[in-house]
PDB file of all heavy atoms in Angstrom:
ATOM      1  N   ALA A   1       0.838  -1.206   0.000  1.00  0.00           N
ATOM      2  CA  ALA A   1       0.000   0.000   0.000  1.00  0.00           C
ATOM      3  C   ALA A   1       0.869   1.251   0.000  1.00  0.00           C
ATOM      4  O   ALA A   1       0.536   2.261  -0.638  1.00  0.00           O
ATOM      5  CB  ALA A   1      -0.928  -0.003   1.214  1.00  0.00           C
ATOM      6  N   HIS A   2       2.001   1.201   0.699  1.00  0.00           N
ATOM      7  CA  HIS A   2       2.936   2.327   0.710  1.00  0.00           C
ATOM      8  C   HIS A   2       3.484   2.576  -0.691  1.00  0.00           C
ATOM      9  O   HIS A   2       3.607   3.727  -1.131  1.00  0.00           O
ATOM     10  CB  HIS A   2       4.097   2.043   1.673  1.00  0.00           C
ATOM     11  CG  HIS A   2       3.740   2.190   3.113  1.00  0.00           C
ATOM     12  ND1 HIS A   2       4.093   3.286   3.871  1.00  0.00           N
ATOM     13  CD2 HIS A   2       3.035   1.378   3.946  1.00  0.00           C
ATOM     14  CE1 HIS A   2       3.644   3.142   5.103  1.00  0.00           C
ATOM     15  NE2 HIS A   2       2.995   1.981   5.172  1.00  0.00           N
ATOM     16  N   LYS A   3       3.806   1.509  -1.392  1.00  0.00           N
ATOM     17  CA  LYS A   3       4.378   1.644  -2.735  1.00  0.00           C
ATOM     18  C   LYS A   3       3.412   2.347  -3.677  1.00  0.00           C
ATOM     19  O   LYS A   3       3.809   3.215  -4.474  1.00  0.00           O
ATOM     20  CB  LYS A   3       4.755   0.265  -3.288  1.00  0.00           C
ATOM     21  CG  LYS A   3       5.878  -0.430  -2.537  1.00  0.00           C
ATOM     22  CD  LYS A   3       7.181   0.360  -2.629  1.00  0.00           C
ATOM     23  CE  LYS A   3       8.316  -0.360  -1.933  1.00  0.00           C
ATOM     24  NZ  LYS A   3       9.577   0.445  -1.944  1.00  0.00           N
ATOM     25  N   VAL A   4       2.139   1.983  -3.602  1.00  0.00           N
ATOM     26  CA  VAL A   4       1.126   2.607  -4.466  1.00  0.00           C
ATOM     27  C   VAL A   4       1.033   4.103  -4.187  1.00  0.00           C
ATOM     28  O   VAL A   4       1.084   4.936  -5.100  1.00  0.00           O
ATOM     29  CB  VAL A   4      -0.247   1.932  -4.263  1.00  0.00           C
ATOM     30  CG1 VAL A   4      -1.343   2.721  -4.995  1.00  0.00           C
ATOM     31  CG2 VAL A   4      -0.216   0.497  -4.756  1.00  0.00           C
ATOM     32  N   LEU A   5       0.903   4.465  -2.914  1.00  0.00           N
ATOM     33  CA  LEU A   5       0.742   5.876  -2.560  1.00  0.00           C
ATOM     34  C   LEU A   5       2.020   6.675  -2.813  1.00  0.00           C
ATOM     35  O   LEU A   5       1.965   7.831  -3.226  1.00  0.00           O
ATOM     36  CB  LEU A   5       0.315   5.999  -1.097  1.00  0.00           C
ATOM     37  CG  LEU A   5      -1.103   5.510  -0.795  1.00  0.00           C
ATOM     38  CD1 LEU A   5      -1.369   5.526   0.699  1.00  0.00           C
ATOM     39  CD2 LEU A   5      -2.141   6.347  -1.525  1.00  0.00           C
ATOM     40  N   GLU A   6       3.175   6.064  -2.569  1.00  0.00           N
ATOM     41  CA  GLU A   6       4.443   6.743  -2.878  1.00  0.00           C
ATOM     42  C   GLU A   6       4.514   7.087  -4.364  1.00  0.00           C
ATOM     43  O   GLU A   6       4.948   8.186  -4.746  1.00  0.00           O
ATOM     44  CB  GLU A   6       5.620   5.847  -2.501  1.00  0.00           C
ATOM     45  CG  GLU A   6       5.891   5.741  -1.015  1.00  0.00           C
ATOM     46  CD  GLU A   6       6.972   4.718  -0.720  1.00  0.00           C
ATOM     47  OE1 GLU A   6       7.611   4.207  -1.674  1.00  0.00           O
ATOM     48  OE2 GLU A   6       7.187   4.409   0.464  1.00  0.00           O
ATOM     49  N   ASN A   7       4.089   6.151  -5.197  1.00  0.00           N
ATOM     50  CA  ASN A   7       4.090   6.371  -6.645  1.00  0.00           C
ATOM     51  C   ASN A   7       3.165   7.522  -7.024  1.00  0.00           C
ATOM     52  O   ASN A   7       3.532   8.407  -7.810  1.00  0.00           O
ATOM     53  CB  ASN A   7       3.658   5.089  -7.350  1.00  0.00           C
ATOM     54  CG  ASN A   7       3.617   5.235  -8.856  1.00  0.00           C
ATOM     55  OD1 ASN A   7       4.456   5.907  -9.453  1.00  0.00           O
ATOM     56  ND2 ASN A   7       2.631   4.621  -9.484  1.00  0.00           N
ATOM     57  N   TYR A   8       1.975   7.549  -6.443  1.00  0.00           N
ATOM     58  CA  TYR A   8       1.005   8.599  -6.756  1.00  0.00           C
ATOM     59  C   TYR A   8       1.486   9.960  -6.259  1.00  0.00           C
ATOM     60  O   TYR A   8       1.364  10.976  -6.967  1.00  0.00           O
ATOM     61  CB  TYR A   8      -0.353   8.273  -6.124  1.00  0.00           C
ATOM     62  CG  TYR A   8      -1.081   7.104  -6.744  1.00  0.00           C
ATOM     63  CD1 TYR A   8      -2.220   6.569  -6.158  1.00  0.00           C
ATOM     64  CD2 TYR A   8      -0.629   6.513  -7.927  1.00  0.00           C
ATOM     65  CE1 TYR A   8      -2.902   5.513  -6.722  1.00  0.00           C
ATOM     66  CE2 TYR A   8      -1.297   5.440  -8.501  1.00  0.00           C
ATOM     67  CZ  TYR A   8      -2.442   4.950  -7.886  1.00  0.00           C
ATOM     68  OH  TYR A   8      -3.106   3.890  -8.445  1.00  0.00           O
ATOM     69  N   ILE A   9       2.035  10.002  -5.043  1.00  0.00           N
ATOM     70  CA  ILE A   9       2.540  11.263  -4.490  1.00  0.00           C
ATOM     71  C   ILE A   9       3.667  11.810  -5.366  1.00  0.00           C
ATOM     72  O   ILE A   9       3.750  13.010  -5.636  1.00  0.00           O
ATOM     73  CB  ILE A   9       3.023  11.051  -3.036  1.00  0.00           C
ATOM     74  CG1 ILE A   9       1.823  10.798  -2.123  1.00  0.00           C
ATOM     75  CG2 ILE A   9       3.831  12.251  -2.541  1.00  0.00           C
ATOM     76  CD1 ILE A   9       2.192  10.342  -0.728  1.00  0.00           C
ATOM     77  N   GLY A  10       4.532  10.908  -5.850  1.00  0.00           N
ATOM     78  CA  GLY A  10       5.649  11.315  -6.692  1.00  0.00           C
ATOM     79  C   GLY A  10       5.233  11.900  -8.022  1.00  0.00           C
ATOM     80  O   GLY A  10       6.004  12.630  -8.660  1.00  0.00           O
ATOM     81  N   LYS A  11       4.011  11.596  -8.454  1.00  0.00           N
ATOM     82  CA  LYS A  11       3.521  12.109  -9.736  1.00  0.00           C
ATOM     83  C   LYS A  11       2.949  13.523  -9.634  1.00  0.00           C
ATOM     84  O   LYS A  11       2.681  14.151 -10.662  1.00  0.00           O
ATOM     85  CB  LYS A  11       2.432  11.180 -10.288  1.00  0.00           C
ATOM     86  CG  LYS A  11       2.937   9.825 -10.752  1.00  0.00           C
ATOM     87  CD  LYS A  11       1.795   8.985 -11.300  1.00  0.00           C
ATOM     88  CE  LYS A  11       2.302   7.652 -11.829  1.00  0.00           C
ATOM     89  NZ  LYS A  11       1.208   6.821 -12.383  1.00  0.00           N
ATOM     90  N   MET A  12       2.751  14.018  -8.420  1.00  0.00           N
ATOM     91  CA  MET A  12       2.123  15.323  -8.246  1.00  0.00           C
ATOM     92  C   MET A  12       3.126  16.336  -7.701  1.00  0.00           C
ATOM     93  O   MET A  12       3.703  16.144  -6.618  1.00  0.00           O
ATOM     94  CB  MET A  12       0.911  15.207  -7.303  1.00  0.00           C
ATOM     95  CG  MET A  12      -0.156  14.250  -7.834  1.00  0.00           C
ATOM     96  SD  MET A  12      -1.714  14.353  -6.926  1.00  0.00           S
ATOM     97  CE  MET A  12      -2.260  16.015  -7.349  1.00  0.00           C
ATOM     98  N   ASP A  13       3.320  17.417  -8.444  1.00  0.00           N
ATOM     99  CA  ASP A  13       4.298  18.442  -8.070  1.00  0.00           C
ATOM    100  C   ASP A  13       3.945  19.134  -6.757  1.00  0.00           C
ATOM    101  O   ASP A  13       4.818  19.690  -6.090  1.00  0.00           O
ATOM    102  CB  ASP A  13       4.407  19.501  -9.172  1.00  0.00           C
ATOM    103  CG  ASP A  13       5.025  18.940 -10.446  1.00  0.00           C
ATOM    104  OD1 ASP A  13       5.718  17.908 -10.354  1.00  0.00           O
ATOM    105  OD2 ASP A  13       4.807  19.533 -11.516  1.00  0.00           O
ATOM    106  N   SER A  14       2.667  19.107  -6.393  1.00  0.00           N
ATOM    107  CA  SER A  14       2.223  19.813  -5.190  1.00  0.00           C
ATOM    108  C   SER A  14       2.403  18.992  -3.917  1.00  0.00           C
ATOM    109  O   SER A  14       2.156  19.502  -2.822  1.00  0.00           O
ATOM    110  CB  SER A  14       0.751  20.207  -5.338  1.00  0.00           C
ATOM    111  OG  SER A  14      -0.022  19.061  -5.647  1.00  0.00           O
ATOM    112  N   LEU A  15       2.815  17.718  -4.050  1.00  0.00           N
ATOM    113  CA  LEU A  15       2.938  16.845  -2.888  1.00  0.00           C
ATOM    114  C   LEU A  15       4.383  16.427  -2.649  1.00  0.00           C
ATOM    115  O   LEU A  15       5.175  16.287  -3.582  1.00  0.00           O
ATOM    116  CB  LEU A  15       2.077  15.587  -3.072  1.00  0.00           C
ATOM    117  CG  LEU A  15       0.579  15.789  -3.309  1.00  0.00           C
ATOM    118  CD1 LEU A  15      -0.119  14.442  -3.407  1.00  0.00           C
ATOM    119  CD2 LEU A  15      -0.043  16.644  -2.222  1.00  0.00           C
ATOM    120  N   GLN A  16       4.688  16.185  -1.380  1.00  0.00           N
ATOM    121  CA  GLN A  16       6.016  15.722  -0.985  1.00  0.00           C
ATOM    122  C   GLN A  16       5.850  14.664   0.104  1.00  0.00           C
ATOM    123  O   GLN A  16       5.103  14.860   1.061  1.00  0.00           O
ATOM    124  CB  GLN A  16       6.846  16.890  -0.445  1.00  0.00           C
ATOM    125  CG  GLN A  16       8.236  16.503   0.042  1.00  0.00           C
ATOM    126  CD  GLN A  16       8.957  17.685   0.672  1.00  0.00           C
ATOM    127  OE1 GLN A  16       8.333  18.505   1.346  1.00  0.00           O
ATOM    128  NE2 GLN A  16      10.241  17.793   0.442  1.00  0.00           N
ATOM    129  N   LEU A  17       6.541  13.530  -0.049  1.00  0.00           N
ATOM    130  CA  LEU A  17       6.463  12.480   0.955  1.00  0.00           C
ATOM    131  C   LEU A  17       7.289  12.873   2.176  1.00  0.00           C
ATOM    132  O   LEU A  17       8.497  13.075   2.090  1.00  0.00           O
ATOM    133  CB  LEU A  17       6.972  11.156   0.375  1.00  0.00           C
ATOM    134  CG  LEU A  17       6.914   9.953   1.322  1.00  0.00           C
ATOM    135  CD1 LEU A  17       5.478   9.647   1.712  1.00  0.00           C
ATOM    136  CD2 LEU A  17       7.568   8.726   0.677  1.00  0.00           C
ATOM    137  N   ALA A  18       6.618  12.963   3.327  1.00  0.00           N
ATOM    138  CA  ALA A  18       7.303  13.330   4.570  1.00  0.00           C
ATOM    139  C   ALA A  18       7.772  12.101   5.332  1.00  0.00           C
ATOM    140  O   ALA A  18       8.764  12.166   6.065  1.00  0.00           O
ATOM    141  CB  ALA A  18       6.376  14.158   5.455  1.00  0.00           C
ATOM    142  N   GLY A  19       7.061  10.979   5.182  1.00  0.00           N
ATOM    143  CA  GLY A  19       7.466   9.787   5.912  1.00  0.00           C
ATOM    144  C   GLY A  19       6.514   8.630   5.712  1.00  0.00           C
ATOM    145  O   GLY A  19       5.438   8.768   5.129  1.00  0.00           O
ATOM    146  N   ASN A  20       6.938   7.459   6.206  1.00  0.00           N
ATOM    147  CA  ASN A  20       6.153   6.232   6.149  1.00  0.00           C
ATOM    148  C   ASN A  20       6.062   5.643   7.548  1.00  0.00           C
ATOM    149  O   ASN A  20       7.079   5.492   8.224  1.00  0.00           O
ATOM    150  CB  ASN A  20       6.803   5.196   5.229  1.00  0.00           C
ATOM    151  CG  ASN A  20       6.948   5.680   3.805  1.00  0.00           C
ATOM    152  OD1 ASN A  20       7.788   6.526   3.504  1.00  0.00           O
ATOM    153  ND2 ASN A  20       6.154   5.144   2.900  1.00  0.00           N
ATOM    154  N   CYS A  21       4.865   5.296   7.979  1.00  0.00           N
ATOM    155  CA  CYS A  21       4.669   4.643   9.268  1.00  0.00           C
ATOM    156  C   CYS A  21       3.855   3.371   9.049  1.00  0.00           C
ATOM    157  O   CYS A  21       2.932   3.348   8.227  1.00  0.00           O
ATOM    158  CB  CYS A  21       3.950   5.560  10.252  1.00  0.00           C
ATOM    159  SG  CYS A  21       4.919   7.020  10.725  1.00  0.00           S
ATOM    160  N   TYR A  22       4.177   2.328   9.817  1.00  0.00           N
ATOM    161  CA  TYR A  22       3.545   1.032   9.613  1.00  0.00           C
ATOM    162  C   TYR A  22       2.634   0.631  10.774  1.00  0.00           C
ATOM    163  O   TYR A  22       2.142  -0.492  10.820  1.00  0.00           O
ATOM    164  CB  TYR A  22       4.620  -0.031   9.362  1.00  0.00           C
ATOM    165  CG  TYR A  22       5.352   0.219   8.064  1.00  0.00           C
ATOM    166  CD1 TYR A  22       6.441   1.086   8.019  1.00  0.00           C
ATOM    167  CD2 TYR A  22       4.910  -0.348   6.868  1.00  0.00           C
ATOM    168  CE1 TYR A  22       7.092   1.355   6.812  1.00  0.00           C
ATOM    169  CE2 TYR A  22       5.553  -0.080   5.670  1.00  0.00           C
ATOM    170  CZ  TYR A  22       6.641   0.769   5.651  1.00  0.00           C
ATOM    171  OH  TYR A  22       7.273   1.048   4.456  1.00  0.00           O
ATOM    172  N   SER A  23       2.385   1.564  11.682  1.00  0.00           N
ATOM    173  CA  SER A  23       1.423   1.345  12.763  1.00  0.00           C
ATOM    174  C   SER A  23       0.928   2.701  13.240  1.00  0.00           C
ATOM    175  O   SER A  23       1.560   3.740  13.005  1.00  0.00           O
ATOM    176  CB  SER A  23       2.068   0.595  13.928  1.00  0.00           C
ATOM    177  OG  SER A  23       2.997   1.429  14.608  1.00  0.00           O
ATOM    178  N   ALA A  24      -0.226   2.692  13.924  1.00  0.00           N
ATOM    179  CA  ALA A  24      -0.789   3.933  14.440  1.00  0.00           C
ATOM    180  C   ALA A  24       0.123   4.548  15.505  1.00  0.00           C
ATOM    181  O   ALA A  24       0.310   5.767  15.555  1.00  0.00           O
ATOM    182  CB  ALA A  24      -2.181   3.674  15.013  1.00  0.00           C
ATOM    183  N   ALA A  25       0.717   3.699  16.345  1.00  0.00           N
ATOM    184  CA  ALA A  25       1.601   4.212  17.399  1.00  0.00           C
ATOM    185  C   ALA A  25       2.817   4.916  16.802  1.00  0.00           C
ATOM    186  O   ALA A  25       3.222   5.985  17.268  1.00  0.00           O
ATOM    187  CB  ALA A  25       2.052   3.060  18.299  1.00  0.00           C
ATOM    188  N   GLU A  26       3.379   4.327  15.751  1.00  0.00           N
ATOM    189  CA  GLU A  26       4.514   4.949  15.070  1.00  0.00           C
ATOM    190  C   GLU A  26       4.114   6.296  14.472  1.00  0.00           C
ATOM    191  O   GLU A  26       4.874   7.274  14.534  1.00  0.00           O
ATOM    192  CB  GLU A  26       5.033   4.011  13.981  1.00  0.00           C
ATOM    193  CG  GLU A  26       6.284   4.506  13.279  1.00  0.00           C
ATOM    194  CD  GLU A  26       6.733   3.584  12.147  1.00  0.00           C
ATOM    195  OE1 GLU A  26       6.107   2.514  11.962  1.00  0.00           O
ATOM    196  OE2 GLU A  26       7.696   3.957  11.443  1.00  0.00           O
ATOM    197  N   ALA A  27       2.895   6.349  13.924  1.00  0.00           N
ATOM    198  CA  ALA A  27       2.415   7.594  13.302  1.00  0.00           C
ATOM    199  C   ALA A  27       2.196   8.684  14.344  1.00  0.00           C
ATOM    200  O   ALA A  27       2.506   9.856  14.104  1.00  0.00           O
ATOM    201  CB  ALA A  27       1.129   7.323  12.536  1.00  0.00           C
ATOM    202  N   ILE A  28       1.662   8.315  15.506  1.00  0.00           N
ATOM    203  CA  ILE A  28       1.431   9.305  16.562  1.00  0.00           C
ATOM    204  C   ILE A  28       2.764   9.923  16.994  1.00  0.00           C
ATOM    205  O   ILE A  28       2.873  11.148  17.171  1.00  0.00           O
ATOM    206  CB  ILE A  28       0.709   8.653  17.761  1.00  0.00           C
ATOM    207  CG1 ILE A  28      -0.734   8.298  17.369  1.00  0.00           C
ATOM    208  CG2 ILE A  28       0.713   9.586  18.968  1.00  0.00           C
ATOM    209  CD1 ILE A  28      -1.478   7.488  18.414  1.00  0.00           C
ATOM    210  N   ASN A  29       3.778   9.103  17.145  1.00  0.00           N
ATOM    211  CA  ASN A  29       5.106   9.607  17.515  1.00  0.00           C
ATOM    212  C   ASN A  29       5.679  10.509  16.422  1.00  0.00           C
ATOM    213  O   ASN A  29       6.290  11.538  16.708  1.00  0.00           O
ATOM    214  CB  ASN A  29       6.062   8.440  17.778  1.00  0.00           C
ATOM    215  CG  ASN A  29       5.718   7.695  19.047  1.00  0.00           C
ATOM    216  OD1 ASN A  29       5.176   8.271  19.987  1.00  0.00           O
ATOM    217  ND2 ASN A  29       5.998   6.403  19.081  1.00  0.00           N
ATOM    218  N   PHE A  30       5.460  10.122  15.162  1.00  0.00           N
ATOM    219  CA  PHE A  30       5.957  10.918  14.032  1.00  0.00           C
ATOM    220  C   PHE A  30       5.306  12.303  14.047  1.00  0.00           C
ATOM    221  O   PHE A  30       5.979  13.323  13.853  1.00  0.00           O
ATOM    222  CB  PHE A  30       5.655  10.193  12.723  1.00  0.00           C
ATOM    223  CG  PHE A  30       6.248  10.848  11.510  1.00  0.00           C
ATOM    224  CD1 PHE A  30       7.448  10.398  10.974  1.00  0.00           C
ATOM    225  CD2 PHE A  30       5.619  11.926  10.887  1.00  0.00           C
ATOM    226  CE1 PHE A  30       8.003  11.005   9.852  1.00  0.00           C
ATOM    227  CE2 PHE A  30       6.158  12.543   9.781  1.00  0.00           C
ATOM    228  CZ  PHE A  30       7.366  12.073   9.250  1.00  0.00           C
ATOM    229  N   LEU A  31       3.997  12.355  14.271  1.00  0.00           N
ATOM    230  CA  LEU A  31       3.267  13.626  14.242  1.00  0.00           C
ATOM    231  C   LEU A  31       3.671  14.546  15.389  1.00  0.00           C
ATOM    232  O   LEU A  31       3.485  15.761  15.299  1.00  0.00           O
ATOM    233  CB  LEU A  31       1.757  13.356  14.283  1.00  0.00           C
ATOM    234  CG  LEU A  31       1.168  12.722  13.013  1.00  0.00           C
ATOM    235  CD1 LEU A  31      -0.281  12.310  13.253  1.00  0.00           C
ATOM    236  CD2 LEU A  31       1.258  13.675  11.829  1.00  0.00           C
ATOM    237  N   GLN A  32       4.189  13.975  16.461  1.00  0.00           N
ATOM    238  CA  GLN A  32       4.667  14.801  17.570  1.00  0.00           C
ATOM    239  C   GLN A  32       6.000  15.464  17.241  1.00  0.00           C
ATOM    240  O   GLN A  32       6.346  16.491  17.825  1.00  0.00           O
ATOM    241  CB  GLN A  32       4.806  13.937  18.827  1.00  0.00           C
ATOM    242  CG  GLN A  32       3.469  13.502  19.411  1.00  0.00           C
ATOM    243  CD  GLN A  32       3.613  12.541  20.575  1.00  0.00           C
ATOM    244  OE1 GLN A  32       4.679  11.956  20.795  1.00  0.00           O
ATOM    245  NE2 GLN A  32       2.546  12.369  21.330  1.00  0.00           N
ATOM    246  N   ARG A  33       6.732  14.883  16.267  1.00  0.00           N
ATOM    247  CA  ARG A  33       8.051  15.416  15.901  1.00  0.00           C
ATOM    248  C   ARG A  33       8.023  16.278  14.648  1.00  0.00           C
ATOM    249  O   ARG A  33       8.793  17.215  14.518  1.00  0.00           O
ATOM    250  CB  ARG A  33       9.044  14.262  15.643  1.00  0.00           C
ATOM    251  CG  ARG A  33       9.248  13.308  16.781  1.00  0.00           C
ATOM    252  CD  ARG A  33      10.425  12.363  16.469  1.00  0.00           C
ATOM    253  NE  ARG A  33      10.314  11.763  15.152  1.00  0.00           N
ATOM    254  CZ  ARG A  33       9.754  10.577  14.922  1.00  0.00           C
ATOM    255  NH1 ARG A  33       9.254   9.876  15.926  1.00  0.00           N
ATOM    256  NH2 ARG A  33       9.707  10.089  13.699  1.00  0.00           N
ATOM    257  N   GLU A  34       7.136  15.913  13.712  1.00  0.00           N
ATOM    258  CA  GLU A  34       7.168  16.525  12.378  1.00  0.00           C
ATOM    259  C   GLU A  34       5.827  17.164  12.057  1.00  0.00           C
ATOM    260  O   GLU A  34       4.778  16.733  12.524  1.00  0.00           O
ATOM    261  CB  GLU A  34       7.471  15.454  11.323  1.00  0.00           C
ATOM    262  CG  GLU A  34       8.719  14.657  11.599  1.00  0.00           C
ATOM    263  CD  GLU A  34       9.895  15.153  10.799  1.00  0.00           C
ATOM    264  OE1 GLU A  34       9.734  16.107  10.022  1.00  0.00           O
ATOM    265  OE2 GLU A  34      10.978  14.572  10.968  1.00  0.00           O
TER     266      GLU A  34
END
């Protein structure tokens, strides 16, 4: 699923990939930093 979305994000000049998280807990920690 990450590969699909990474590909789509890369096709749009207005978007930039900030990161990938593989669990909700990892994402919560990421959002506290970035």
